[in-house]
Amino acid sequence: MAEFDSPHKVILYPYVTEKTMVKMEEENKLEFIVSLKSNKKQIKDAIKDLFEADVEKVNTRIDQHGKRATVKFTEEHSAEEIGMRIGVF
């Protein structure tokens, strides 16, 4: 599997829709478009590096937008707060 020299090469950009906004508020999750070559561990490590937040779980899927990662944060970290820092609002 490819090694990434920067977390910005793993996490490309946030994916924001009405549905992802509900997940952010109700389930403490954010969605990102990620590199097709990245795996769940690399995504988790990149999120920790970029946002200094602990990740509980990462789910991935590939669709017409690319590879999407749904990231569930631990209770100590708020997806809404992280979303505000990256400009989702």
PDB file of N, CA and C in Angstrom:
ATOM      1  N   MET A   1       0.842  -1.187   0.000  1.00  0.00           N
ATOM      2  CA  MET A   1       0.000   0.000   0.000  1.00  0.00           C
ATOM      3  C   MET A   1       0.880   1.240   0.000  1.00  0.00           C
ATOM      4  N   ALA A   2       0.426   2.279  -0.624  1.00  0.00           N
ATOM      5  CA  ALA A   2       1.208   3.513  -0.754  1.00  0.00           C
ATOM      6  C   ALA A   2       1.411   4.181   0.607  1.00  0.00           C
ATOM      7  N   GLU A   3       2.599   4.717   0.784  1.00  0.00           N
ATOM      8  CA  GLU A   3       2.898   5.505   1.975  1.00  0.00           C
ATOM      9  C   GLU A   3       2.713   6.972   1.618  1.00  0.00           C
ATOM     10  N   PHE A   4       2.178   7.740   2.543  1.00  0.00           N
ATOM     11  CA  PHE A   4       1.918   9.150   2.301  1.00  0.00           C
ATOM     12  C   PHE A   4       2.842   9.983   3.171  1.00  0.00           C
ATOM     13  N   ASP A   5       3.463  11.007   2.572  1.00  0.00           N
ATOM     14  CA  ASP A   5       4.376  11.856   3.323  1.00  0.00           C
ATOM     15  C   ASP A   5       3.660  13.032   3.994  1.00  0.00           C
ATOM     16  N   SER A   6       2.374  13.191   3.730  1.00  0.00           N
ATOM     17  CA  SER A   6       1.607  14.284   4.317  1.00  0.00           C
ATOM     18  C   SER A   6       0.167  13.829   4.538  1.00  0.00           C
ATOM     19  N   PRO A   7      -0.440  14.216   5.680  1.00  0.00           N
ATOM     20  CA  PRO A   7      -1.855  13.859   5.893  1.00  0.00           C
ATOM     21  C   PRO A   7      -2.771  14.514   4.860  1.00  0.00           C
ATOM     22  N   HIS A   8      -2.313  15.610   4.238  1.00  0.00           N
ATOM     23  CA  HIS A   8      -3.118  16.277   3.219  1.00  0.00           C
ATOM     24  C   HIS A   8      -3.208  15.462   1.933  1.00  0.00           C
ATOM     25  N   LYS A   9      -2.336  14.494   1.760  1.00  0.00           N
ATOM     26  CA  LYS A   9      -2.414  13.611   0.599  1.00  0.00           C
ATOM     27  C   LYS A   9      -3.364  12.446   0.855  1.00  0.00           C
ATOM     28  N   VAL A  10      -3.714  12.211   2.116  1.00  0.00           N
ATOM     29  CA  VAL A  10      -4.681  11.180   2.487  1.00  0.00           C
ATOM     30  C   VAL A  10      -6.080  11.789   2.523  1.00  0.00           C
ATOM     31  N   ILE A  11      -6.252  12.851   3.301  1.00  0.00           N
ATOM     32  CA  ILE A  11      -7.535  13.540   3.441  1.00  0.00           C
ATOM     33  C   ILE A  11      -7.552  14.666   2.413  1.00  0.00           C
ATOM     34  N   LEU A  12      -8.390  14.536   1.393  1.00  0.00           N
ATOM     35  CA  LEU A  12      -8.403  15.524   0.317  1.00  0.00           C
ATOM     36  C   LEU A  12      -9.282  16.726   0.652  1.00  0.00           C
ATOM     37  N   TYR A  13     -10.537  16.469   1.050  1.00  0.00           N
ATOM     38  CA  TYR A  13     -11.432  17.562   1.439  1.00  0.00           C
ATOM     39  C   TYR A  13     -12.668  16.998   2.127  1.00  0.00           C
ATOM     40  N   PRO A  14     -13.363  17.844   2.923  1.00  0.00           N
ATOM     41  CA  PRO A  14     -14.591  17.370   3.569  1.00  0.00           C
ATOM     42  C   PRO A  14     -15.714  17.198   2.547  1.00  0.00           C
ATOM     43  N   TYR A  15     -16.587  16.259   2.818  1.00  0.00           N
ATOM     44  CA  TYR A  15     -17.738  16.011   1.962  1.00  0.00           C
ATOM     45  C   TYR A  15     -18.970  16.443   2.761  1.00  0.00           C
ATOM     46  N   VAL A  16     -19.669  17.478   2.292  1.00  0.00           N
ATOM     47  CA  VAL A  16     -20.760  18.064   3.068  1.00  0.00           C
ATOM     48  C   VAL A  16     -22.062  18.024   2.284  1.00  0.00           C
ATOM     49  N   THR A  17     -23.065  17.383   2.889  1.00  0.00           N
ATOM     50  CA  THR A  17     -24.433  17.369   2.367  1.00  0.00           C
ATOM     51  C   THR A  17     -25.366  17.532   3.568  1.00  0.00           C
ATOM     52  N   GLU A  18     -26.657  17.631   3.310  1.00  0.00           N
ATOM     53  CA  GLU A  18     -27.607  17.694   4.429  1.00  0.00           C
ATOM     54  C   GLU A  18     -27.501  16.442   5.290  1.00  0.00           C
ATOM     55  N   LYS A  19     -27.346  15.300   4.646  1.00  0.00           N
ATOM     56  CA  LYS A  19     -27.251  14.038   5.380  1.00  0.00           C
ATOM     57  C   LYS A  19     -25.990  13.999   6.258  1.00  0.00           C
ATOM     58  N   THR A  20     -24.870  14.475   5.731  1.00  0.00           N
ATOM     59  CA  THR A  20     -23.644  14.463   6.534  1.00  0.00           C
ATOM     60  C   THR A  20     -23.731  15.471   7.677  1.00  0.00           C
ATOM     61  N   MET A  21     -24.478  16.566   7.486  1.00  0.00           N
ATOM     62  CA  MET A  21     -24.671  17.535   8.569  1.00  0.00           C
ATOM     63  C   MET A  21     -25.472  16.909   9.710  1.00  0.00           C
ATOM     64  N   VAL A  22     -26.467  16.095   9.376  1.00  0.00           N
ATOM     65  CA  VAL A  22     -27.249  15.402  10.406  1.00  0.00           C
ATOM     66  C   VAL A  22     -26.357  14.413  11.146  1.00  0.00           C
ATOM     67  N   LYS A  23     -25.522  13.672  10.400  1.00  0.00           N
ATOM     68  CA  LYS A  23     -24.595  12.732  11.043  1.00  0.00           C
ATOM     69  C   LYS A  23     -23.644  13.461  11.979  1.00  0.00           C
ATOM     70  N   MET A  24     -23.218  14.644  11.579  1.00  0.00           N
ATOM     71  CA  MET A  24     -22.295  15.420  12.408  1.00  0.00           C
ATOM     72  C   MET A  24     -22.973  15.789  13.728  1.00  0.00           C
ATOM     73  N   GLU A  25     -24.200  16.238  13.660  1.00  0.00           N
ATOM     74  CA  GLU A  25     -24.911  16.677  14.859  1.00  0.00           C
ATOM     75  C   GLU A  25     -25.360  15.518  15.736  1.00  0.00           C
ATOM     76  N   GLU A  26     -25.881  14.460  15.135  1.00  0.00           N
ATOM     77  CA  GLU A  26     -26.495  13.384  15.903  1.00  0.00           C
ATOM     78  C   GLU A  26     -25.552  12.240  16.240  1.00  0.00           C
ATOM     79  N   GLU A  27     -24.552  11.980  15.371  1.00  0.00           N
ATOM     80  CA  GLU A  27     -23.709  10.798  15.555  1.00  0.00           C
ATOM     81  C   GLU A  27     -22.230  11.121  15.768  1.00  0.00           C
ATOM     82  N   ASN A  28     -21.875  12.414  15.810  1.00  0.00           N
ATOM     83  CA  ASN A  28     -20.486  12.848  16.014  1.00  0.00           C
ATOM     84  C   ASN A  28     -19.568  12.316  14.909  1.00  0.00           C
ATOM     85  N   LYS A  29     -20.041  12.442  13.640  1.00  0.00           N
ATOM     86  CA  LYS A  29     -19.293  11.944  12.485  1.00  0.00           C
ATOM     87  C   LYS A  29     -19.090  13.047  11.462  1.00  0.00           C
ATOM     88  N   LEU A  30     -17.975  12.957  10.748  1.00  0.00           N
ATOM     89  CA  LEU A  30     -17.704  13.805   9.593  1.00  0.00           C
ATOM     90  C   LEU A  30     -17.343  12.908   8.416  1.00  0.00           C
ATOM     91  N   GLU A  31     -17.606  13.389   7.200  1.00  0.00           N
ATOM     92  CA  GLU A  31     -17.227  12.635   6.012  1.00  0.00           C
ATOM     93  C   GLU A  31     -16.187  13.415   5.220  1.00  0.00           C
ATOM     94  N   PHE A  32     -15.263  12.660   4.634  1.00  0.00           N
ATOM     95  CA  PHE A  32     -14.190  13.250   3.845  1.00  0.00           C
ATOM     96  C   PHE A  32     -14.011  12.461   2.560  1.00  0.00           C
ATOM     97  N   ILE A  33     -13.596  13.151   1.514  1.00  0.00           N
ATOM     98  CA  ILE A  33     -13.112  12.489   0.313  1.00  0.00           C
ATOM     99  C   ILE A  33     -11.627  12.240   0.566  1.00  0.00           C
ATOM    100  N   VAL A  34     -11.199  10.996   0.370  1.00  0.00           N
ATOM    101  CA  VAL A  34      -9.824  10.605   0.687  1.00  0.00           C
ATOM    102  C   VAL A  34      -9.166   9.978  -0.540  1.00  0.00           C
ATOM    103  N   SER A  35      -7.866   9.805  -0.463  1.00  0.00           N
ATOM    104  CA  SER A  35      -7.116   9.175  -1.545  1.00  0.00           C
ATOM    105  C   SER A  35      -7.612   7.747  -1.769  1.00  0.00           C
ATOM    106  N   LEU A  36      -7.727   7.353  -3.012  1.00  0.00           N
ATOM    107  CA  LEU A  36      -8.160   5.991  -3.337  1.00  0.00           C
ATOM    108  C   LEU A  36      -7.190   4.945  -2.802  1.00  0.00           C
ATOM    109  N   LYS A  37      -5.924   5.315  -2.648  1.00  0.00           N
ATOM    110  CA  LYS A  37      -4.915   4.365  -2.197  1.00  0.00           C
ATOM    111  C   LYS A  37      -4.787   4.284  -0.679  1.00  0.00           C
ATOM    112  N   SER A  38      -5.521   5.105   0.040  1.00  0.00           N
ATOM    113  CA  SER A  38      -5.397   5.124   1.507  1.00  0.00           C
ATOM    114  C   SER A  38      -6.214   3.995   2.134  1.00  0.00           C
ATOM    115  N   ASN A  39      -5.745   3.538   3.300  1.00  0.00           N
ATOM    116  CA  ASN A  39      -6.500   2.542   4.050  1.00  0.00           C
ATOM    117  C   ASN A  39      -7.038   3.183   5.336  1.00  0.00           C
ATOM    118  N   LYS A  40      -7.822   2.438   6.097  1.00  0.00           N
ATOM    119  CA  LYS A  40      -8.469   2.992   7.284  1.00  0.00           C
ATOM    120  C   LYS A  40      -7.468   3.488   8.318  1.00  0.00           C
ATOM    121  N   LYS A  41      -6.375   2.766   8.517  1.00  0.00           N
ATOM    122  CA  LYS A  41      -5.371   3.191   9.491  1.00  0.00           C
ATOM    123  C   LYS A  41      -4.718   4.497   9.061  1.00  0.00           C
ATOM    124  N   GLN A  42      -4.401   4.627   7.779  1.00  0.00           N
ATOM    125  CA  GLN A  42      -3.802   5.861   7.282  1.00  0.00           C
ATOM    126  C   GLN A  42      -4.764   7.037   7.425  1.00  0.00           C
ATOM    127  N   ILE A  43      -6.051   6.788   7.188  1.00  0.00           N
ATOM    128  CA  ILE A  43      -7.064   7.835   7.343  1.00  0.00           C
ATOM    129  C   ILE A  43      -7.152   8.255   8.805  1.00  0.00           C
ATOM    130  N   LYS A  44      -7.204   7.287   9.697  1.00  0.00           N
ATOM    131  CA  LYS A  44      -7.275   7.563  11.134  1.00  0.00           C
ATOM    132  C   LYS A  44      -6.061   8.368  11.588  1.00  0.00           C
ATOM    133  N   ASP A  45      -4.869   7.972  11.168  1.00  0.00           N
ATOM    134  CA  ASP A  45      -3.642   8.689  11.541  1.00  0.00           C
ATOM    135  C   ASP A  45      -3.635  10.108  10.975  1.00  0.00           C
ATOM    136  N   ALA A  46      -4.110  10.282   9.742  1.00  0.00           N
ATOM    137  CA  ALA A  46      -4.141  11.605   9.121  1.00  0.00           C
ATOM    138  C   ALA A  46      -5.113  12.530   9.865  1.00  0.00           C
ATOM    139  N   ILE A  47      -6.266  11.999  10.271  1.00  0.00           N
ATOM    140  CA  ILE A  47      -7.240  12.789  11.031  1.00  0.00           C
ATOM    141  C   ILE A  47      -6.627  13.223  12.356  1.00  0.00           C
ATOM    142  N   LYS A  48      -5.934  12.291  13.030  1.00  0.00           N
ATOM    143  CA  LYS A  48      -5.278  12.640  14.303  1.00  0.00           C
ATOM    144  C   LYS A  48      -4.251  13.748  14.103  1.00  0.00           C
ATOM    145  N   ASP A  49      -3.462  13.661  13.031  1.00  0.00           N
ATOM    146  CA  ASP A  49      -2.438  14.672  12.756  1.00  0.00           C
ATOM    147  C   ASP A  49      -3.052  16.028  12.407  1.00  0.00           C
ATOM    148  N   LEU A  50      -4.062  16.024  11.559  1.00  0.00           N
ATOM    149  CA  LEU A  50      -4.641  17.279  11.086  1.00  0.00           C
ATOM    150  C   LEU A  50      -5.481  17.996  12.139  1.00  0.00           C
ATOM    151  N   PHE A  51      -6.266  17.240  12.897  1.00  0.00           N
ATOM    152  CA  PHE A  51      -7.252  17.865  13.785  1.00  0.00           C
ATOM    153  C   PHE A  51      -6.975  17.645  15.270  1.00  0.00           C
ATOM    154  N   GLU A  52      -5.909  16.899  15.587  1.00  0.00           N
ATOM    155  CA  GLU A  52      -5.563  16.592  16.978  1.00  0.00           C
ATOM    156  C   GLU A  52      -6.783  16.060  17.731  1.00  0.00           C
ATOM    157  N   ALA A  53      -7.462  15.110  17.100  1.00  0.00           N
ATOM    158  CA  ALA A  53      -8.669  14.515  17.659  1.00  0.00           C
ATOM    159  C   ALA A  53      -8.572  12.997  17.565  1.00  0.00           C
ATOM    160  N   ASP A  54      -9.115  12.331  18.576  1.00  0.00           N
ATOM    161  CA  ASP A  54      -9.105  10.871  18.584  1.00  0.00           C
ATOM    162  C   ASP A  54     -10.284  10.336  17.782  1.00  0.00           C
ATOM    163  N   VAL A  55     -10.010   9.282  17.033  1.00  0.00           N
ATOM    164  CA  VAL A  55     -11.010   8.670  16.155  1.00  0.00           C
ATOM    165  C   VAL A  55     -11.440   7.345  16.742  1.00  0.00           C
ATOM    166  N   GLU A  56     -12.759   7.148  16.832  1.00  0.00           N
ATOM    167  CA  GLU A  56     -13.301   5.881  17.319  1.00  0.00           C
ATOM    168  C   GLU A  56     -13.371   4.847  16.204  1.00  0.00           C
ATOM    169  N   LYS A  57     -13.825   5.284  15.004  1.00  0.00           N
ATOM    170  CA  LYS A  57     -14.031   4.331  13.916  1.00  0.00           C
ATOM    171  C   LYS A  57     -13.982   5.041  12.564  1.00  0.00           C
ATOM    172  N   VAL A  58     -13.502   4.319  11.553  1.00  0.00           N
ATOM    173  CA  VAL A  58     -13.477   4.823  10.180  1.00  0.00           C
ATOM    174  C   VAL A  58     -14.171   3.805   9.280  1.00  0.00           C
ATOM    175  N   ASN A  59     -15.130   4.267   8.490  1.00  0.00           N
ATOM    176  CA  ASN A  59     -15.770   3.440   7.467  1.00  0.00           C
ATOM    177  C   ASN A  59     -15.477   4.077   6.119  1.00  0.00           C
ATOM    178  N   THR A  60     -15.195   3.254   5.113  1.00  0.00           N
ATOM    179  CA  THR A  60     -14.914   3.782   3.782  1.00  0.00           C
ATOM    180  C   THR A  60     -15.811   3.130   2.746  1.00  0.00           C
ATOM    181  N   ARG A  61     -16.011   3.855   1.657  1.00  0.00           N
ATOM    182  CA  ARG A  61     -16.727   3.317   0.496  1.00  0.00           C
ATOM    183  C   ARG A  61     -16.330   4.130  -0.719  1.00  0.00           C
ATOM    184  N   ILE A  62     -16.486   3.523  -1.864  1.00  0.00           N
ATOM    185  CA  ILE A  62     -16.144   4.192  -3.114  1.00  0.00           C
ATOM    186  C   ILE A  62     -17.437   4.408  -3.899  1.00  0.00           C
ATOM    187  N   ASP A  63     -17.641   5.657  -4.344  1.00  0.00           N
ATOM    188  CA  ASP A  63     -18.814   5.977  -5.158  1.00  0.00           C
ATOM    189  C   ASP A  63     -18.397   6.929  -6.272  1.00  0.00           C
ATOM    190  N   GLN A  64     -19.351   7.567  -6.916  1.00  0.00           N
ATOM    191  CA  GLN A  64     -19.038   8.435  -8.050  1.00  0.00           C
ATOM    192  C   GLN A  64     -18.208   9.657  -7.670  1.00  0.00           C
ATOM    193  N   HIS A  65     -18.165  10.005  -6.377  1.00  0.00           N
ATOM    194  CA  HIS A  65     -17.385  11.150  -5.915  1.00  0.00           C
ATOM    195  C   HIS A  65     -15.941  10.775  -5.607  1.00  0.00           C
ATOM    196  N   GLY A  66     -15.655   9.490  -5.522  1.00  0.00           N
ATOM    197  CA  GLY A  66     -14.329   9.003  -5.146  1.00  0.00           C
ATOM    198  C   GLY A  66     -14.449   8.126  -3.912  1.00  0.00           C
ATOM    199  N   LYS A  67     -13.385   8.035  -3.158  1.00  0.00           N
ATOM    200  CA  LYS A  67     -13.403   7.249  -1.933  1.00  0.00           C
ATOM    201  C   LYS A  67     -13.817   8.158  -0.791  1.00  0.00           C
ATOM    202  N   ARG A  68     -14.884   7.765  -0.094  1.00  0.00           N
ATOM    203  CA  ARG A  68     -15.388   8.556   1.024  1.00  0.00           C
ATOM    204  C   ARG A  68     -15.103   7.828   2.326  1.00  0.00           C
ATOM    205  N   ALA A  69     -14.703   8.591   3.312  1.00  0.00           N
ATOM    206  CA  ALA A  69     -14.453   8.050   4.645  1.00  0.00           C
ATOM    207  C   ALA A  69     -15.393   8.733   5.625  1.00  0.00           C
ATOM    208  N   THR A  70     -16.156   7.931   6.358  1.00  0.00           N
ATOM    209  CA  THR A  70     -16.979   8.444   7.441  1.00  0.00           C
ATOM    210  C   THR A  70     -16.197   8.215   8.722  1.00  0.00           C
ATOM    211  N   VAL A  71     -15.897   9.300   9.421  1.00  0.00           N
ATOM    212  CA  VAL A  71     -15.048   9.251  10.607  1.00  0.00           C
ATOM    213  C   VAL A  71     -15.890   9.549  11.836  1.00  0.00           C
ATOM    214  N   LYS A  72     -15.930   8.590  12.769  1.00  0.00           N
ATOM    215  CA  LYS A  72     -16.631   8.795  14.040  1.00  0.00           C
ATOM    216  C   LYS A  72     -15.596   9.165  15.088  1.00  0.00           C
ATOM    217  N   PHE A  73     -15.800  10.303  15.722  1.00  0.00           N
ATOM    218  CA  PHE A  73     -14.875  10.792  16.738  1.00  0.00           C
ATOM    219  C   PHE A  73     -15.261  10.270  18.113  1.00  0.00           C
ATOM    220  N   THR A  74     -14.284  10.205  19.017  1.00  0.00           N
ATOM    221  CA  THR A  74     -14.560   9.790  20.392  1.00  0.00           C
ATOM    222  C   THR A  74     -15.392  10.878  21.070  1.00  0.00           C
ATOM    223  N   GLU A  75     -15.973  10.540  22.213  1.00  0.00           N
ATOM    224  CA  GLU A  75     -16.841  11.479  22.924  1.00  0.00           C
ATOM    225  C   GLU A  75     -16.104  12.745  23.356  1.00  0.00           C
ATOM    226  N   GLU A  76     -14.786  12.650  23.537  1.00  0.00           N
ATOM    227  CA  GLU A  76     -14.009  13.811  23.992  1.00  0.00           C
ATOM    228  C   GLU A  76     -13.869  14.876  22.903  1.00  0.00           C
ATOM    229  N   HIS A  77     -14.153  14.511  21.657  1.00  0.00           N
ATOM    230  CA  HIS A  77     -13.989  15.442  20.542  1.00  0.00           C
ATOM    231  C   HIS A  77     -15.306  15.613  19.804  1.00  0.00           C
ATOM    232  N   SER A  78     -15.647  16.854  19.521  1.00  0.00           N
ATOM    233  CA  SER A  78     -16.910  17.174  18.871  1.00  0.00           C
ATOM    234  C   SER A  78     -16.717  17.328  17.362  1.00  0.00           C
ATOM    235  N   ALA A  79     -17.482  16.574  16.591  1.00  0.00           N
ATOM    236  CA  ALA A  79     -17.435  16.698  15.134  1.00  0.00           C
ATOM    237  C   ALA A  79     -17.877  18.100  14.714  1.00  0.00           C
ATOM    238  N   GLU A  80     -18.816  18.688  15.453  1.00  0.00           N
ATOM    239  CA  GLU A  80     -19.272  20.044  15.128  1.00  0.00           C
ATOM    240  C   GLU A  80     -18.146  21.050  15.300  1.00  0.00           C
ATOM    241  N   GLU A  81     -17.376  20.931  16.369  1.00  0.00           N
ATOM    242  CA  GLU A  81     -16.267  21.844  16.622  1.00  0.00           C
ATOM    243  C   GLU A  81     -15.198  21.691  15.541  1.00  0.00           C
ATOM    244  N   ILE A  82     -14.894  20.456  15.167  1.00  0.00           N
ATOM    245  CA  ILE A  82     -13.909  20.208  14.109  1.00  0.00           C
ATOM    246  C   ILE A  82     -14.444  20.739  12.780  1.00  0.00           C
ATOM    247  N   GLY A  83     -15.725  20.543  12.525  1.00  0.00           N
ATOM    248  CA  GLY A  83     -16.349  21.062  11.312  1.00  0.00           C
ATOM    249  C   GLY A  83     -16.263  22.584  11.228  1.00  0.00           C
ATOM    250  N   MET A  84     -16.434  23.257  12.358  1.00  0.00           N
ATOM    251  CA  MET A  84     -16.320  24.719  12.374  1.00  0.00           C
ATOM    252  C   MET A  84     -14.873  25.139  12.088  1.00  0.00           C
ATOM    253  N   ARG A  85     -13.900  24.407  12.618  1.00  0.00           N
ATOM    254  CA  ARG A  85     -12.498  24.746  12.392  1.00  0.00           C
ATOM    255  C   ARG A  85     -12.115  24.613  10.922  1.00  0.00           C
ATOM    256  N   ILE A  86     -12.694  23.633  10.217  1.00  0.00           N
ATOM    257  CA  ILE A  86     -12.326  23.435   8.807  1.00  0.00           C
ATOM    258  C   ILE A  86     -13.263  24.156   7.839  1.00  0.00           C
ATOM    259  N   GLY A  87     -14.242  24.882   8.376  1.00  0.00           N
ATOM    260  CA  GLY A  87     -15.099  25.711   7.535  1.00  0.00           C
ATOM    261  C   GLY A  87     -16.269  25.001   6.906  1.00  0.00           C
ATOM    262  N   VAL A  88     -16.784  23.960   7.552  1.00  0.00           N
ATOM    263  CA  VAL A  88     -17.964  23.268   7.027  1.00  0.00           C
ATOM    264  C   VAL A  88     -19.182  24.173   7.137  1.00  0.00           C
ATOM    265  N   PHE A  89     -19.220  25.034   8.143  1.00  0.00           N
ATOM    266  CA  PHE A  89     -20.361  25.940   8.335  1.00  0.00           C
ATOM    267  C   PHE A  89     -20.141  27.234   7.586  1.00  0.00           C
TER     268      PHE A  89
END
